Amino acid sequence: MSDVIAAVIPVHRLHINKLFAEGRILSYSVSMSRSTIWVVINAEDEPEANELVLSFPLYPHFTEVTCTPLLFHNTLPATMPGMSLN
């Protein structure tokens, strides 16, 4: 990883966290080799999804972007931690 990319990562993570909070991103994964990122984006159509990817601070360092529209995306529901009566 170059120093330039390493310097952009904190800004990129803040941006991704903001998009999570807005409900625009549903999941975000990075391969162990750091060569591939998978993002599930909540968008009306492919152009909107691509526009969101263009806003990523790391986008200038991407070598390829592939968009695959999903019929649905299932994840485990978020749960609240158990309550302790202590």
N, C-alpha and C. Protein backbone atom coordinates (compact mmCIF):
# COMPACT_ATOMS: atom_id res chain seq x y z
N MET A 1 0.84 -1.17 0.00
CA MET A 1 0.00 0.00 0.00
C MET A 1 0.89 1.24 0.00
N SER A 2 0.59 2.16 -0.88
CA SER A 2 1.41 3.37 -0.96
C SER A 2 1.06 4.34 0.17
N ASP A 3 1.96 5.26 0.43
CA ASP A 3 1.73 6.27 1.46
C ASP A 3 0.54 7.15 1.10
N VAL A 4 0.35 7.39 -0.19
CA VAL A 4 -0.77 8.23 -0.65
C VAL A 4 -2.10 7.56 -0.29
N ILE A 5 -2.21 6.28 -0.59
CA ILE A 5 -3.45 5.54 -0.28
C ILE A 5 -3.64 5.45 1.23
N ALA A 6 -2.58 5.16 1.96
CA ALA A 6 -2.67 5.07 3.42
C ALA A 6 -3.17 6.38 4.03
N ALA A 7 -2.77 7.50 3.45
CA ALA A 7 -3.20 8.81 3.95
C ALA A 7 -4.68 9.06 3.69
N VAL A 8 -5.24 8.47 2.65
CA VAL A 8 -6.64 8.69 2.28
C VAL A 8 -7.59 7.78 3.08
N ILE A 9 -7.10 6.67 3.59
CA ILE A 9 -7.96 5.69 4.25
C ILE A 9 -8.78 6.28 5.41
N PRO A 10 -8.23 7.08 6.32
CA PRO A 10 -9.07 7.63 7.40
C PRO A 10 -10.23 8.49 6.88
N VAL A 11 -9.98 9.28 5.86
CA VAL A 11 -11.04 10.11 5.26
C VAL A 11 -12.07 9.22 4.59
N HIS A 12 -11.60 8.18 3.91
CA HIS A 12 -12.49 7.23 3.25
C HIS A 12 -13.39 6.54 4.28
N ARG A 13 -12.81 6.08 5.39
CA ARG A 13 -13.60 5.40 6.42
C ARG A 13 -14.66 6.32 7.01
N LEU A 14 -14.33 7.59 7.24
CA LEU A 14 -15.32 8.55 7.73
C LEU A 14 -16.47 8.70 6.74
N HIS A 15 -16.13 8.76 5.46
CA HIS A 15 -17.15 8.88 4.41
C HIS A 15 -18.04 7.64 4.38
N ILE A 16 -17.43 6.47 4.44
CA ILE A 16 -18.19 5.22 4.43
C ILE A 16 -19.09 5.14 5.66
N ASN A 17 -18.59 5.51 6.82
CA ASN A 17 -19.41 5.50 8.04
C ASN A 17 -20.60 6.45 7.93
N LYS A 18 -20.40 7.61 7.30
CA LYS A 18 -21.48 8.57 7.08
C LYS A 18 -22.55 7.95 6.17
N LEU A 19 -22.11 7.27 5.10
CA LEU A 19 -23.05 6.63 4.18
C LEU A 19 -23.81 5.49 4.87
N PHE A 20 -23.15 4.76 5.78
CA PHE A 20 -23.83 3.73 6.58
C PHE A 20 -24.92 4.40 7.42
N ALA A 21 -24.58 5.48 8.11
CA ALA A 21 -25.53 6.17 8.99
C ALA A 21 -26.74 6.69 8.20
N GLU A 22 -26.52 7.08 6.95
CA GLU A 22 -27.59 7.57 6.09
C GLU A 22 -28.40 6.44 5.46
N GLY A 23 -27.95 5.20 5.63
CA GLY A 23 -28.64 4.06 5.02
C GLY A 23 -28.34 3.88 3.55
N ARG A 24 -27.33 4.56 3.04
CA ARG A 24 -26.98 4.47 1.63
C ARG A 24 -26.12 3.25 1.34
N ILE A 25 -25.34 2.80 2.36
CA ILE A 25 -24.53 1.58 2.25
C ILE A 25 -25.08 0.58 3.26
N LEU A 26 -25.26 -0.66 2.80
CA LEU A 26 -25.79 -1.72 3.65
C LEU A 26 -24.69 -2.65 4.16
N SER A 27 -23.64 -2.82 3.37
CA SER A 27 -22.49 -3.61 3.82
C SER A 27 -21.25 -3.18 3.06
N TYR A 28 -20.10 -3.44 3.68
CA TYR A 28 -18.82 -3.00 3.12
C TYR A 28 -17.77 -4.01 3.55
N SER A 29 -17.09 -4.63 2.59
CA SER A 29 -16.08 -5.64 2.89
C SER A 29 -14.83 -5.39 2.06
N VAL A 30 -13.67 -5.72 2.65
CA VAL A 30 -12.39 -5.59 1.96
C VAL A 30 -11.68 -6.94 2.02
N SER A 31 -11.13 -7.37 0.89
CA SER A 31 -10.41 -8.64 0.86
C SER A 31 -9.14 -8.55 1.70
N MET A 32 -8.68 -9.68 2.18
CA MET A 32 -7.47 -9.73 3.00
C MET A 32 -6.28 -9.11 2.27
N SER A 33 -6.22 -9.28 0.95
CA SER A 33 -5.11 -8.73 0.17
C SER A 33 -5.28 -7.23 -0.09
N ARG A 34 -6.43 -6.67 0.33
CA ARG A 34 -6.76 -5.25 0.12
C ARG A 34 -6.88 -4.89 -1.36
N SER A 35 -7.09 -5.88 -2.21
CA SER A 35 -7.17 -5.61 -3.65
C SER A 35 -8.61 -5.52 -4.15
N THR A 36 -9.57 -5.92 -3.31
CA THR A 36 -10.97 -5.91 -3.73
C THR A 36 -11.85 -5.41 -2.60
N ILE A 37 -12.82 -4.58 -2.97
CA ILE A 37 -13.81 -4.07 -2.03
C ILE A 37 -15.18 -4.48 -2.56
N TRP A 38 -16.04 -4.98 -1.67
CA TRP A 38 -17.43 -5.26 -2.03
C TRP A 38 -18.31 -4.33 -1.21
N VAL A 39 -19.23 -3.66 -1.88
CA VAL A 39 -20.14 -2.73 -1.21
C VAL A 39 -21.55 -3.02 -1.68
N VAL A 40 -22.47 -3.17 -0.74
CA VAL A 40 -23.89 -3.26 -1.09
C VAL A 40 -24.46 -1.87 -0.85
N ILE A 41 -24.95 -1.27 -1.94
CA ILE A 41 -25.42 0.11 -1.93
C ILE A 41 -26.94 0.13 -2.07
N ASN A 42 -27.58 0.97 -1.29
CA ASN A 42 -29.02 1.17 -1.37
C ASN A 42 -29.26 2.32 -2.34
N ALA A 43 -29.65 1.99 -3.57
CA ALA A 43 -29.85 3.01 -4.61
C ALA A 43 -31.06 2.63 -5.46
N GLU A 44 -31.64 3.63 -6.10
CA GLU A 44 -32.80 3.40 -6.97
C GLU A 44 -32.41 2.70 -8.26
N ASP A 45 -31.19 3.01 -8.76
CA ASP A 45 -30.77 2.44 -10.03
C ASP A 45 -29.24 2.44 -10.11
N GLU A 46 -28.72 1.83 -11.17
CA GLU A 46 -27.28 1.70 -11.34
C GLU A 46 -26.57 3.05 -11.44
N PRO A 47 -27.10 4.03 -12.18
CA PRO A 47 -26.42 5.33 -12.21
C PRO A 47 -26.28 5.97 -10.82
N GLU A 48 -27.31 5.83 -9.99
CA GLU A 48 -27.22 6.39 -8.63
C GLU A 48 -26.15 5.66 -7.82
N ALA A 49 -26.07 4.34 -7.97
CA ALA A 49 -25.05 3.56 -7.27
C ALA A 49 -23.66 3.98 -7.74
N ASN A 50 -23.49 4.13 -9.05
CA ASN A 50 -22.19 4.54 -9.58
C ASN A 50 -21.81 5.94 -9.11
N GLU A 51 -22.78 6.83 -9.01
CA GLU A 51 -22.51 8.18 -8.52
C GLU A 51 -22.00 8.14 -7.07
N LEU A 52 -22.59 7.25 -6.28
CA LEU A 52 -22.15 7.11 -4.89
C LEU A 52 -20.71 6.60 -4.83
N VAL A 53 -20.38 5.61 -5.67
CA VAL A 53 -19.00 5.07 -5.70
C VAL A 53 -18.02 6.17 -6.13
N LEU A 54 -18.43 7.01 -7.06
CA LEU A 54 -17.56 8.11 -7.49
C LEU A 54 -17.22 9.06 -6.35
N SER A 55 -18.08 9.11 -5.32
CA SER A 55 -17.84 10.01 -4.18
C SER A 55 -16.85 9.44 -3.17
N PHE A 56 -16.48 8.16 -3.31
CA PHE A 56 -15.55 7.55 -2.36
C PHE A 56 -14.18 8.22 -2.46
N PRO A 57 -13.59 8.65 -1.35
CA PRO A 57 -12.26 9.26 -1.41
C PRO A 57 -11.20 8.35 -2.05
N LEU A 58 -11.35 7.03 -1.94
CA LEU A 58 -10.38 6.12 -2.56
C LEU A 58 -10.66 5.86 -4.04
N TYR A 59 -11.78 6.36 -4.56
CA TYR A 59 -12.15 6.06 -5.94
C TYR A 59 -11.03 6.32 -6.96
N PRO A 60 -10.28 7.41 -6.86
CA PRO A 60 -9.21 7.64 -7.86
C PRO A 60 -8.17 6.51 -7.91
N HIS A 61 -8.13 5.68 -6.89
CA HIS A 61 -7.15 4.59 -6.84
C HIS A 61 -7.74 3.25 -7.26
N PHE A 62 -9.04 3.23 -7.58
CA PHE A 62 -9.69 1.99 -8.04
C PHE A 62 -9.23 1.69 -9.46
N THR A 63 -9.02 0.43 -9.77
CA THR A 63 -8.64 0.05 -11.13
C THR A 63 -9.83 -0.44 -11.94
N GLU A 64 -10.89 -0.90 -11.24
CA GLU A 64 -12.07 -1.39 -11.92
C GLU A 64 -13.26 -1.31 -10.98
N VAL A 65 -14.41 -0.93 -11.53
CA VAL A 65 -15.65 -0.92 -10.76
C VAL A 65 -16.68 -1.71 -11.54
N THR A 66 -17.29 -2.69 -10.88
CA THR A 66 -18.33 -3.49 -11.50
C THR A 66 -19.59 -3.36 -10.66
N CYS A 67 -20.70 -3.04 -11.30
CA CYS A 67 -21.97 -2.90 -10.60
C CYS A 67 -22.87 -4.07 -11.00
N THR A 68 -23.38 -4.78 -10.02
CA THR A 68 -24.30 -5.88 -10.25
C THR A 68 -25.57 -5.62 -9.47
N PRO A 69 -26.67 -5.30 -10.14
CA PRO A 69 -27.93 -5.07 -9.42
C PRO A 69 -28.38 -6.34 -8.69
N LEU A 70 -28.82 -6.17 -7.45
CA LEU A 70 -29.27 -7.29 -6.63
C LEU A 70 -30.79 -7.33 -6.58
N LEU A 71 -31.34 -8.53 -6.55
CA LEU A 71 -32.78 -8.69 -6.35
C LEU A 71 -33.11 -8.44 -4.88
N PHE A 72 -32.26 -8.98 -3.97
CA PHE A 72 -32.41 -8.72 -2.55
C PHE A 72 -31.07 -8.97 -1.87
N HIS A 73 -30.95 -8.49 -0.63
CA HIS A 73 -29.73 -8.65 0.16
C HIS A 73 -30.16 -8.96 1.59
N ASN A 74 -29.88 -10.16 2.03
CA ASN A 74 -30.22 -10.57 3.39
C ASN A 74 -29.01 -10.46 4.29
N THR A 75 -29.24 -9.98 5.50
CA THR A 75 -28.20 -9.96 6.53
C THR A 75 -28.85 -10.34 7.85
N LEU A 76 -28.04 -10.69 8.81
CA LEU A 76 -28.58 -10.97 10.14
C LEU A 76 -29.12 -9.67 10.72
N PRO A 77 -30.25 -9.73 11.39
CA PRO A 77 -30.78 -8.50 12.00
C PRO A 77 -29.89 -8.05 13.15
N ALA A 78 -29.78 -6.74 13.30
CA ALA A 78 -29.04 -6.19 14.43
C ALA A 78 -29.82 -6.48 15.70
N THR A 79 -29.12 -6.90 16.73
CA THR A 79 -29.80 -7.20 17.98
C THR A 79 -29.27 -6.31 19.10
N MET A 80 -30.09 -6.12 20.06
CA MET A 80 -29.68 -5.35 21.24
C MET A 80 -28.96 -6.30 22.19
N PRO A 81 -27.96 -5.82 22.91
CA PRO A 81 -27.30 -6.69 23.89
C PRO A 81 -28.28 -7.10 24.99
N GLY A 82 -28.02 -8.27 25.57
CA GLY A 82 -28.87 -8.75 26.65
C GLY A 82 -28.87 -7.80 27.83
N MET A 83 -29.98 -7.77 28.54
CA MET A 83 -30.12 -6.86 29.68
C MET A 83 -29.73 -7.60 30.96
N SER A 84 -28.99 -6.95 31.81
CA SER A 84 -28.59 -7.53 33.09
C SER A 84 -29.31 -6.79 34.22
N LEU A 85 -29.90 -7.54 35.13
CA LEU A 85 -30.62 -6.93 36.24
C LEU A 85 -29.74 -6.74 37.48
N ASN A 86 -28.43 -6.82 37.30
CA ASN A 86 -27.50 -6.63 38.43
C ASN A 86 -27.44 -5.20 38.84
